[in-house]
Amino acid sequence: DATLDRVLALWMPGPGTATGEDTVELHCHGG
């Protein structure tokens, strides 16, 4: 339960995604 980062997240169920699969994108800080 230690904080890794605070992010913007996108949850996109398939098949309507770039890969055709369930997809998640985590927009993190870039360090």
Full PDB file with SEQRES, HELIX, SHEET, SSBOND, CRYST1, ORIGX, SCALE, CONECT and MASTER records, all heavy atoms in Angstrom:
SEQRES   1 A   31  ASP ALA THR LEU ASP ARG VAL LEU ALA LEU TRP MET PRO          
SEQRES   2 A   31  GLY PRO GLY THR ALA THR GLY GLU ASP THR VAL GLU LEU          
SEQRES   3 A   31  HIS CYS HIS GLY GLY                                          
SHEET    1 AA1 2 LEU A   8  MET A  12  0                                        
SHEET    2 AA1 2 THR A  23  HIS A  27 -1                                        
CRYST1    1.000    1.000    1.000  90.00  90.00  90.00 P 1           1          
ORIGX1      1.000000  0.000000  0.000000        0.00000                         
ORIGX2      0.000000  1.000000  0.000000        0.00000                         
ORIGX3      0.000000  0.000000  1.000000        0.00000                         
SCALE1      1.000000  0.000000  0.000000        0.00000                         
SCALE2      0.000000  1.000000  0.000000        0.00000                         
SCALE3      0.000000  0.000000  1.000000        0.00000                         
ATOM      1  N   ASP A   1       0.812  -1.218   0.000  1.00  0.00           N  
ATOM      2  CA  ASP A   1       0.000   0.000   0.000  1.00  0.00           C  
ATOM      3  C   ASP A   1       0.845   1.267   0.000  1.00  0.00           C  
ATOM      4  O   ASP A   1       0.364   2.348   0.357  1.00  0.00           O  
ATOM      5  CB  ASP A   1      -0.967   0.016   1.188  1.00  0.00           C  
ATOM      6  CG  ASP A   1      -2.141   0.979   0.955  1.00  0.00           C  
ATOM      7  OD1 ASP A   1      -2.604   1.052  -0.209  1.00  0.00           O  
ATOM      8  OD2 ASP A   1      -2.562   1.658   1.903  1.00  0.00           O  
ATOM      9  N   ALA A   2       2.101   1.165  -0.412  1.00  0.00           N  
ATOM     10  CA  ALA A   2       2.933   2.359  -0.565  1.00  0.00           C  
ATOM     11  C   ALA A   2       2.616   3.004  -1.909  1.00  0.00           C  
ATOM     12  O   ALA A   2       2.436   2.309  -2.922  1.00  0.00           O  
ATOM     13  CB  ALA A   2       4.406   1.991  -0.493  1.00  0.00           C  
ATOM     14  N   THR A   3       2.551   4.321  -1.931  1.00  0.00           N  
ATOM     15  CA  THR A   3       2.211   5.027  -3.162  1.00  0.00           C  
ATOM     16  C   THR A   3       3.326   4.893  -4.190  1.00  0.00           C  
ATOM     17  O   THR A   3       4.493   5.172  -3.896  1.00  0.00           O  
ATOM     18  CB  THR A   3       1.955   6.517  -2.877  1.00  0.00           C  
ATOM     19  OG1 THR A   3       0.856   6.640  -1.966  1.00  0.00           O  
ATOM     20  CG2 THR A   3       1.633   7.275  -4.164  1.00  0.00           C  
ATOM     21  N   LEU A   4       2.933   4.476  -5.376  1.00  0.00           N  
ATOM     22  CA  LEU A   4       3.864   4.417  -6.502  1.00  0.00           C  
ATOM     23  C   LEU A   4       3.844   5.718  -7.291  1.00  0.00           C  
ATOM     24  O   LEU A   4       4.873   6.269  -7.645  1.00  0.00           O  
ATOM     25  CB  LEU A   4       3.510   3.255  -7.429  1.00  0.00           C  
ATOM     26  CG  LEU A   4       3.577   1.850  -6.825  1.00  0.00           C  
ATOM     27  CD1 LEU A   4       2.960   0.837  -7.791  1.00  0.00           C  
ATOM     28  CD2 LEU A   4       5.009   1.482  -6.508  1.00  0.00           C  
ATOM     29  N   ASP A   5       2.647   6.214  -7.581  1.00  0.00           N  
ATOM     30  CA  ASP A   5       2.480   7.458  -8.335  1.00  0.00           C  
ATOM     31  C   ASP A   5       0.996   7.788  -8.357  1.00  0.00           C  
ATOM     32  O   ASP A   5       0.140   6.928  -8.092  1.00  0.00           O  
ATOM     33  CB  ASP A   5       3.004   7.287  -9.772  1.00  0.00           C  
ATOM     34  CG  ASP A   5       3.163   8.611 -10.506  1.00  0.00           C  
ATOM     35  OD1 ASP A   5       3.198   9.668  -9.829  1.00  0.00           O  
ATOM     36  OD2 ASP A   5       3.254   8.602 -11.745  1.00  0.00           O  
ATOM     37  N   ARG A   6       0.692   9.015  -8.678  1.00  0.00           N  
ATOM     38  CA  ARG A   6      -0.687   9.433  -8.941  1.00  0.00           C  
ATOM     39  C   ARG A   6      -0.787   9.687 -10.442  1.00  0.00           C  
ATOM     40  O   ARG A   6      -0.024  10.490 -10.992  1.00  0.00           O  
ATOM     41  CB  ARG A   6      -1.061  10.678  -8.132  1.00  0.00           C  
ATOM     42  CG  ARG A   6      -1.034  10.406  -6.623  1.00  0.00           C  
ATOM     43  CD  ARG A   6      -1.491  11.585  -5.809  1.00  0.00           C  
ATOM     44  NE  ARG A   6      -1.376  11.297  -4.381  1.00  0.00           N  
ATOM     45  CZ  ARG A   6      -2.299  10.675  -3.657  1.00  0.00           C  
ATOM     46  NH1 ARG A   6      -3.411  10.256  -4.244  1.00  0.00           N  
ATOM     47  NH2 ARG A   6      -2.108  10.461  -2.372  1.00  0.00           N  
ATOM     48  N   VAL A   7      -1.718   9.001 -11.081  1.00  0.00           N  
ATOM     49  CA  VAL A   7      -1.722   8.930 -12.543  1.00  0.00           C  
ATOM     50  C   VAL A   7      -3.095   9.228 -13.121  1.00  0.00           C  
ATOM     51  O   VAL A   7      -4.105   9.208 -12.408  1.00  0.00           O  
ATOM     52  CB  VAL A   7      -1.289   7.523 -13.016  1.00  0.00           C  
ATOM     53  CG1 VAL A   7       0.032   7.111 -12.385  1.00  0.00           C  
ATOM     54  CG2 VAL A   7      -2.366   6.485 -12.715  1.00  0.00           C  
ATOM     55  N   LEU A   8      -3.114   9.484 -14.416  1.00  0.00           N  
ATOM     56  CA  LEU A   8      -4.345   9.456 -15.193  1.00  0.00           C  
ATOM     57  C   LEU A   8      -4.423   8.078 -15.842  1.00  0.00           C  
ATOM     58  O   LEU A   8      -3.467   7.638 -16.491  1.00  0.00           O  
ATOM     59  CB  LEU A   8      -4.349  10.538 -16.271  1.00  0.00           C  
ATOM     60  CG  LEU A   8      -4.430  11.986 -15.781  1.00  0.00           C  
ATOM     61  CD1 LEU A   8      -4.378  12.947 -16.953  1.00  0.00           C  
ATOM     62  CD2 LEU A   8      -5.699  12.214 -14.970  1.00  0.00           C  
ATOM     63  N   ALA A   9      -5.540   7.393 -15.647  1.00  0.00           N  
ATOM     64  CA  ALA A   9      -5.684   6.018 -16.133  1.00  0.00           C  
ATOM     65  C   ALA A   9      -6.869   5.905 -17.078  1.00  0.00           C  
ATOM     66  O   ALA A   9      -7.893   6.574 -16.904  1.00  0.00           O  
ATOM     67  CB  ALA A   9      -5.859   5.056 -14.965  1.00  0.00           C  
ATOM     68  N   LEU A  10      -6.704   5.058 -18.074  1.00  0.00           N  
ATOM     69  CA  LEU A  10      -7.769   4.747 -19.022  1.00  0.00           C  
ATOM     70  C   LEU A  10      -7.995   3.241 -19.043  1.00  0.00           C  
ATOM     71  O   LEU A  10      -7.043   2.467 -19.197  1.00  0.00           O  
ATOM     72  CB  LEU A  10      -7.382   5.209 -20.432  1.00  0.00           C  
ATOM     73  CG  LEU A  10      -7.635   6.672 -20.792  1.00  0.00           C  
ATOM     74  CD1 LEU A  10      -6.953   6.999 -22.109  1.00  0.00           C  
ATOM     75  CD2 LEU A  10      -9.125   6.940 -20.918  1.00  0.00           C  
ATOM     76  N   TRP A  11      -9.254   2.843 -18.880  1.00  0.00           N  
ATOM     77  CA  TRP A  11      -9.634   1.430 -18.976  1.00  0.00           C  
ATOM     78  C   TRP A  11     -10.492   1.273 -20.226  1.00  0.00           C  
ATOM     79  O   TRP A  11     -11.536   1.906 -20.378  1.00  0.00           O  
ATOM     80  CB  TRP A  11     -10.393   1.004 -17.719  1.00  0.00           C  
ATOM     81  CG  TRP A  11     -11.369  -0.137 -17.884  1.00  0.00           C  
ATOM     82  CD1 TRP A  11     -12.705  -0.112 -17.599  1.00  0.00           C  
ATOM     83  CD2 TRP A  11     -11.087  -1.465 -18.351  1.00  0.00           C  
ATOM     84  NE1 TRP A  11     -13.279  -1.329 -17.864  1.00  0.00           N  
ATOM     85  CE2 TRP A  11     -12.309  -2.186 -18.326  1.00  0.00           C  
ATOM     86  CE3 TRP A  11      -9.935  -2.109 -18.783  1.00  0.00           C  
ATOM     87  CZ2 TRP A  11     -12.403  -3.513 -18.722  1.00  0.00           C  
ATOM     88  CZ3 TRP A  11     -10.029  -3.434 -19.188  1.00  0.00           C  
ATOM     89  CH2 TRP A  11     -11.243  -4.120 -19.137  1.00  0.00           C  
ATOM     90  N   MET A  12     -10.027   0.418 -21.185  1.00  0.00           N  
ATOM     91  CA  MET A  12     -10.710   0.261 -22.473  1.00  0.00           C  
ATOM     92  C   MET A  12     -10.956  -1.215 -22.744  1.00  0.00           C  
ATOM     93  O   MET A  12     -10.019  -1.962 -23.088  1.00  0.00           O  
ATOM     94  CB  MET A  12      -9.848   0.873 -23.595  1.00  0.00           C  
ATOM     95  CG  MET A  12      -9.648   2.370 -23.450  1.00  0.00           C  
ATOM     96  SD  MET A  12      -8.384   3.041 -24.565  1.00  0.00           S  
ATOM     97  CE  MET A  12      -6.894   2.496 -23.719  1.00  0.00           C  
ATOM     98  N   PRO A  13     -12.190  -1.679 -22.563  1.00  0.00           N  
ATOM     99  CA  PRO A  13     -12.498  -3.084 -22.842  1.00  0.00           C  
ATOM    100  C   PRO A  13     -12.364  -3.396 -24.338  1.00  0.00           C  
ATOM    101  O   PRO A  13     -12.676  -2.559 -25.183  1.00  0.00           O  
ATOM    102  CB  PRO A  13     -13.953  -3.241 -22.377  1.00  0.00           C  
ATOM    103  CG  PRO A  13     -14.235  -2.030 -21.538  1.00  0.00           C  
ATOM    104  CD  PRO A  13     -13.371  -0.950 -22.056  1.00  0.00           C  
ATOM    105  N   GLY A  14     -11.906  -4.606 -24.654  1.00  0.00           N  
ATOM    106  CA  GLY A  14     -11.838  -5.047 -26.039  1.00  0.00           C  
ATOM    107  C   GLY A  14     -13.233  -5.420 -26.539  1.00  0.00           C  
ATOM    108  O   GLY A  14     -14.187  -5.487 -25.754  1.00  0.00           O  
ATOM    109  N   PRO A  15     -13.420  -5.638 -27.830  1.00  0.00           N  
ATOM    110  CA  PRO A  15     -12.366  -5.666 -28.855  1.00  0.00           C  
ATOM    111  C   PRO A  15     -12.092  -4.318 -29.517  1.00  0.00           C  
ATOM    112  O   PRO A  15     -11.243  -4.243 -30.396  1.00  0.00           O  
ATOM    113  CB  PRO A  15     -12.923  -6.663 -29.872  1.00  0.00           C  
ATOM    114  CG  PRO A  15     -14.406  -6.452 -29.801  1.00  0.00           C  
ATOM    115  CD  PRO A  15     -14.709  -6.145 -28.358  1.00  0.00           C  
ATOM    116  N   GLY A  16     -12.821  -3.277 -29.119  1.00  0.00           N  
ATOM    117  CA  GLY A  16     -12.660  -1.990 -29.774  1.00  0.00           C  
ATOM    118  C   GLY A  16     -11.464  -1.211 -29.270  1.00  0.00           C  
ATOM    119  O   GLY A  16     -11.587  -0.055 -28.859  1.00  0.00           O  
ATOM    120  N   THR A  17     -10.297  -1.819 -29.289  1.00  0.00           N  
ATOM    121  CA  THR A  17      -9.059  -1.171 -28.861  1.00  0.00           C  
ATOM    122  C   THR A  17      -7.988  -1.367 -29.930  1.00  0.00           C  
ATOM    123  O   THR A  17      -8.193  -2.103 -30.900  1.00  0.00           O  
ATOM    124  CB  THR A  17      -8.554  -1.767 -27.534  1.00  0.00           C  
ATOM    125  OG1 THR A  17      -8.239  -3.158 -27.735  1.00  0.00           O  
ATOM    126  CG2 THR A  17      -9.595  -1.642 -26.434  1.00  0.00           C  
ATOM    127  N   ALA A  18      -6.846  -0.736 -29.734  1.00  0.00           N  
ATOM    128  CA  ALA A  18      -5.777  -0.834 -30.727  1.00  0.00           C  
ATOM    129  C   ALA A  18      -5.334  -2.274 -30.942  1.00  0.00           C  
ATOM    130  O   ALA A  18      -5.050  -2.701 -32.064  1.00  0.00           O  
ATOM    131  CB  ALA A  18      -4.585   0.023 -30.306  1.00  0.00           C  
ATOM    132  N   THR A  19      -5.280  -3.067 -29.861  1.00  0.00           N  
ATOM    133  CA  THR A  19      -4.838  -4.460 -29.974  1.00  0.00           C  
ATOM    134  C   THR A  19      -5.989  -5.440 -30.164  1.00  0.00           C  
ATOM    135  O   THR A  19      -5.751  -6.610 -30.441  1.00  0.00           O  
ATOM    136  CB  THR A  19      -4.056  -4.878 -28.717  1.00  0.00           C  
ATOM    137  OG1 THR A  19      -4.928  -4.775 -27.579  1.00  0.00           O  
ATOM    138  CG2 THR A  19      -2.825  -4.006 -28.509  1.00  0.00           C  
ATOM    139  N   GLY A  20      -7.219  -4.971 -29.972  1.00  0.00           N  
ATOM    140  CA  GLY A  20      -8.363  -5.875 -30.001  1.00  0.00           C  
ATOM    141  C   GLY A  20      -8.588  -6.585 -28.683  1.00  0.00           C  
ATOM    142  O   GLY A  20      -9.476  -7.434 -28.578  1.00  0.00           O  
ATOM    143  N   GLU A  21      -7.798  -6.258 -27.658  1.00  0.00           N  
ATOM    144  CA  GLU A  21      -7.900  -6.881 -26.343  1.00  0.00           C  
ATOM    145  C   GLU A  21      -8.250  -5.824 -25.299  1.00  0.00           C  
ATOM    146  O   GLU A  21      -8.168  -4.624 -25.551  1.00  0.00           O  
ATOM    147  CB  GLU A  21      -6.567  -7.530 -25.957  1.00  0.00           C  
ATOM    148  CG  GLU A  21      -6.071  -8.585 -26.918  1.00  0.00           C  
ATOM    149  CD  GLU A  21      -4.688  -9.097 -26.528  1.00  0.00           C  
ATOM    150  OE1 GLU A  21      -3.894  -8.331 -25.957  1.00  0.00           O  
ATOM    151  OE2 GLU A  21      -4.426 -10.278 -26.786  1.00  0.00           O  
ATOM    152  N   ASP A  22      -8.620  -6.289 -24.097  1.00  0.00           N  
ATOM    153  CA  ASP A  22      -8.771  -5.364 -22.981  1.00  0.00           C  
ATOM    154  C   ASP A  22      -7.458  -4.617 -22.787  1.00  0.00           C  
ATOM    155  O   ASP A  22      -6.374  -5.222 -22.781  1.00  0.00           O  
ATOM    156  CB  ASP A  22      -9.111  -6.128 -21.698  1.00  0.00           C  
ATOM    157  CG  ASP A  22     -10.512  -6.731 -21.735  1.00  0.00           C  
ATOM    158  OD1 ASP A  22     -11.264  -6.415 -22.681  1.00  0.00           O  
ATOM    159  OD2 ASP A  22     -10.842  -7.511 -20.823  1.00  0.00           O  
ATOM    160  N   THR A  23      -7.560  -3.309 -22.630  1.00  0.00           N  
ATOM    161  CA  THR A  23      -6.361  -2.482 -22.574  1.00  0.00           C  
ATOM    162  C   THR A  23      -6.466  -1.446 -21.466  1.00  0.00           C  
ATOM    163  O   THR A  23      -7.530  -0.880 -21.229  1.00  0.00           O  
ATOM    164  CB  THR A  23      -6.133  -1.758 -23.919  1.00  0.00           C  
ATOM    165  OG1 THR A  23      -6.033  -2.734 -24.961  1.00  0.00           O  
ATOM    166  CG2 THR A  23      -4.870  -0.916 -23.894  1.00  0.00           C  
ATOM    167  N   VAL A  24      -5.337  -1.200 -20.812  1.00  0.00           N  
ATOM    168  CA  VAL A  24      -5.218  -0.145 -19.807  1.00  0.00           C  
ATOM    169  C   VAL A  24      -4.043   0.736 -20.178  1.00  0.00           C  
ATOM    170  O   VAL A  24      -2.998   0.237 -20.617  1.00  0.00           O  
ATOM    171  CB  VAL A  24      -5.010  -0.727 -18.390  1.00  0.00           C  
ATOM    172  CG1 VAL A  24      -4.573   0.356 -17.405  1.00  0.00           C  
ATOM    173  CG2 VAL A  24      -6.285  -1.405 -17.901  1.00  0.00           C  
ATOM    174  N   GLU A  25      -4.228   2.048 -20.033  1.00  0.00           N  
ATOM    175  CA  GLU A  25      -3.107   2.977 -20.181  1.00  0.00           C  
ATOM    176  C   GLU A  25      -2.936   3.760 -18.894  1.00  0.00           C  
ATOM    177  O   GLU A  25      -3.907   4.305 -18.352  1.00  0.00           O  
ATOM    178  CB  GLU A  25      -3.336   3.940 -21.351  1.00  0.00           C  
ATOM    179  CG  GLU A  25      -3.108   3.320 -22.706  1.00  0.00           C  
ATOM    180  CD  GLU A  25      -3.134   4.334 -23.832  1.00  0.00           C  
ATOM    181  OE1 GLU A  25      -3.336   5.547 -23.535  1.00  0.00           O  
ATOM    182  OE2 GLU A  25      -2.968   3.938 -24.992  1.00  0.00           O  
ATOM    183  N   LEU A  26      -1.718   3.787 -18.397  1.00  0.00           N  
ATOM    184  CA  LEU A  26      -1.366   4.545 -17.201  1.00  0.00           C  
ATOM    185  C   LEU A  26      -0.481   5.710 -17.613  1.00  0.00           C  
ATOM    186  O   LEU A  26       0.636   5.505 -18.111  1.00  0.00           O  
ATOM    187  CB  LEU A  26      -0.622   3.648 -16.200  1.00  0.00           C  
ATOM    188  CG  LEU A  26      -1.344   2.368 -15.769  1.00  0.00           C  
ATOM    189  CD1 LEU A  26      -0.438   1.524 -14.882  1.00  0.00           C  
ATOM    190  CD2 LEU A  26      -2.649   2.712 -15.050  1.00  0.00           C  
ATOM    191  N   HIS A  27      -0.969   6.910 -17.439  1.00  0.00           N  
ATOM    192  CA  HIS A  27      -0.217   8.112 -17.786  1.00  0.00           C  
ATOM    193  C   HIS A  27       0.443   8.612 -16.502  1.00  0.00           C  
ATOM    194  O   HIS A  27      -0.162   9.327 -15.698  1.00  0.00           O  
ATOM    195  CB  HIS A  27      -1.142   9.164 -18.397  1.00  0.00           C  
ATOM    196  CG  HIS A  27      -1.742   8.744 -19.700  1.00  0.00           C  
ATOM    197  ND1 HIS A  27      -1.630   9.479 -20.857  1.00  0.00           N  
ATOM    198  CD2 HIS A  27      -2.452   7.628 -20.041  1.00  0.00           C  
ATOM    199  CE1 HIS A  27      -2.244   8.853 -21.847  1.00  0.00           C  
ATOM    200  NE2 HIS A  27      -2.755   7.725 -21.372  1.00  0.00           N  
ATOM    201  N   CYS A  28       1.708   8.206 -16.346  1.00  0.00           N  
ATOM    202  CA  CYS A  28       2.443   8.463 -15.105  1.00  0.00           C  
ATOM    203  C   CYS A  28       3.339   9.690 -15.265  1.00  0.00           C  
ATOM    204  O   CYS A  28       3.525  10.225 -16.362  1.00  0.00           O  
ATOM    205  CB  CYS A  28       3.326   7.255 -14.757  1.00  0.00           C  
ATOM    206  SG  CYS A  28       2.497   5.656 -14.826  1.00  0.00           S  
ATOM    207  N   HIS A  29       3.934  10.105 -14.152  1.00  0.00           N  
ATOM    208  CA  HIS A  29       5.034  11.045 -14.234  1.00  0.00           C  
ATOM    209  C   HIS A  29       6.223  10.332 -14.902  1.00  0.00           C  
ATOM    210  O   HIS A  29       6.408   9.130 -14.735  1.00  0.00           O  
ATOM    211  CB  HIS A  29       5.418  11.555 -12.844  1.00  0.00           C  
ATOM    212  CG  HIS A  29       4.354  12.425 -12.240  1.00  0.00           C  
ATOM    213  ND1 HIS A  29       3.360  11.934 -11.428  1.00  0.00           N  
ATOM    214  CD2 HIS A  29       4.127  13.754 -12.363  1.00  0.00           C  
ATOM    215  CE1 HIS A  29       2.547  12.907 -11.059  1.00  0.00           C  
ATOM    216  NE2 HIS A  29       2.994  14.036 -11.617  1.00  0.00           N  
ATOM    217  N   GLY A  30       7.028  11.104 -15.668  1.00  0.00           N  
ATOM    218  CA  GLY A  30       7.987  10.471 -16.557  1.00  0.00           C  
ATOM    219  C   GLY A  30       9.384  10.265 -16.027  1.00  0.00           C  
ATOM    220  O   GLY A  30      10.321  10.110 -16.821  1.00  0.00           O  
ATOM    221  N   GLY A  31       9.558  10.227 -14.718  1.00  0.00           N  
ATOM    222  CA  GLY A  31      10.877   9.954 -14.166  1.00  0.00           C  
ATOM    223  C   GLY A  31      11.231   8.478 -14.238  1.00  0.00           C  
ATOM    224  O   GLY A  31      10.357   7.609 -14.196  1.00  0.00           O  
TER     225      GLY A  31                                                      
MASTER        0    0    0    0    2    0    0    6  224    1    0    3          
END                                                                             
